Amino acid sequence: MELPDAETAWAEALRLVRDIEGSLQPSESWSLEVVEDGATIFRINLATEDMRIRRSSRPAMTMKRSKTL
């Protein structure tokens, strides 16, 4: 998909992430690269892990958000 500039490409990449995030399943991953003149200028990686696979007992369900800048 051709877009006019990097800012528009970034906005479109974020829109695609919002579309795909709802369909990811545990232990799946997805990535998107925005390329300009053959060079990657942005990369977005989404990865999920099913941590229950690594545990022998199931603790109470909690959610935790983190954002790294």
Protein backbone atom coordinates (compact mmCIF):
# COMPACT_ATOMS: atom_id res chain seq x y z
CA MET A 1 0.00 0.00 0.00
CA GLU A 2 1.48 3.35 -1.02
CA LEU A 3 0.94 6.33 1.29
CA PRO A 4 2.00 9.97 0.82
CA ASP A 5 4.28 10.40 3.87
CA ALA A 6 5.63 8.80 7.05
CA GLU A 7 3.04 10.41 9.32
CA THR A 8 0.18 9.03 7.21
CA ALA A 9 1.88 5.63 7.12
CA TRP A 10 2.21 5.64 10.93
CA ALA A 11 -1.47 6.52 11.36
CA GLU A 12 -2.46 3.71 8.98
CA ALA A 13 -0.16 1.26 10.81
CA LEU A 14 -1.87 2.11 14.12
CA ARG A 15 -5.30 1.63 12.52
CA LEU A 16 -4.22 -1.82 11.31
CA VAL A 17 -2.95 -2.70 14.81
CA ARG A 18 -6.36 -1.83 16.26
CA ASP A 19 -8.01 -4.05 13.66
CA ILE A 20 -5.73 -7.04 14.28
CA GLU A 21 -5.45 -6.88 18.09
CA GLY A 22 -8.99 -8.15 18.59
CA SER A 23 -8.29 -11.32 16.63
CA LEU A 24 -5.00 -12.36 18.27
CA GLN A 25 -5.17 -15.58 20.24
CA PRO A 26 -2.92 -16.67 23.12
CA SER A 27 0.59 -17.60 21.95
CA GLU A 28 0.23 -15.81 18.60
CA SER A 29 2.27 -12.93 17.28
CA TRP A 30 1.93 -10.36 14.51
CA SER A 31 4.20 -7.69 13.12
CA LEU A 32 4.00 -4.86 10.63
CA GLU A 33 6.78 -2.91 8.98
CA VAL A 34 6.47 0.47 7.29
CA VAL A 35 9.06 0.69 4.54
CA GLU A 36 10.27 3.80 2.74
CA ASP A 37 12.66 3.54 -0.22
CA GLY A 38 13.49 -0.05 0.71
CA ALA A 39 14.33 0.74 4.36
CA THR A 40 12.14 -0.02 7.36
CA ILE A 41 11.20 3.20 9.13
CA PHE A 42 8.66 1.81 11.64
CA ARG A 43 8.07 -1.66 13.06
CA ILE A 44 5.19 -2.71 15.28
CA ASN A 45 5.29 -6.12 16.99
CA LEU A 46 2.44 -7.69 18.92
CA ALA A 47 3.01 -10.90 20.80
CA THR A 48 0.86 -12.84 23.20
CA GLU A 49 1.87 -15.56 25.60
CA ASP A 50 -0.31 -18.05 27.38
CA MET A 51 1.44 -18.06 30.74
CA ARG A 52 -0.74 -20.93 31.97
CA ILE A 53 1.44 -23.23 29.91
CA ARG A 54 4.36 -22.39 32.21
CA ARG A 55 2.46 -22.81 35.49
CA SER A 56 1.22 -25.89 37.25
CA SER A 57 -1.55 -24.12 39.22
CA ARG A 58 -4.02 -21.40 38.19
CA PRO A 59 -3.98 -18.25 40.32
CA ALA A 60 -6.86 -15.78 40.48
CA MET A 61 -7.32 -13.77 37.27
CA THR A 62 -5.83 -10.25 37.25
CA MET A 63 -4.88 -7.84 34.45
CA LYS A 64 -1.82 -5.64 34.30
CA ARG A 65 -0.98 -3.01 31.67
CA SER A 66 2.45 -1.69 30.86
CA LYS A 67 3.73 0.75 28.30
CA THR A 68 7.39 1.19 27.42
CA LEU A 69 8.50 4.31 25.63
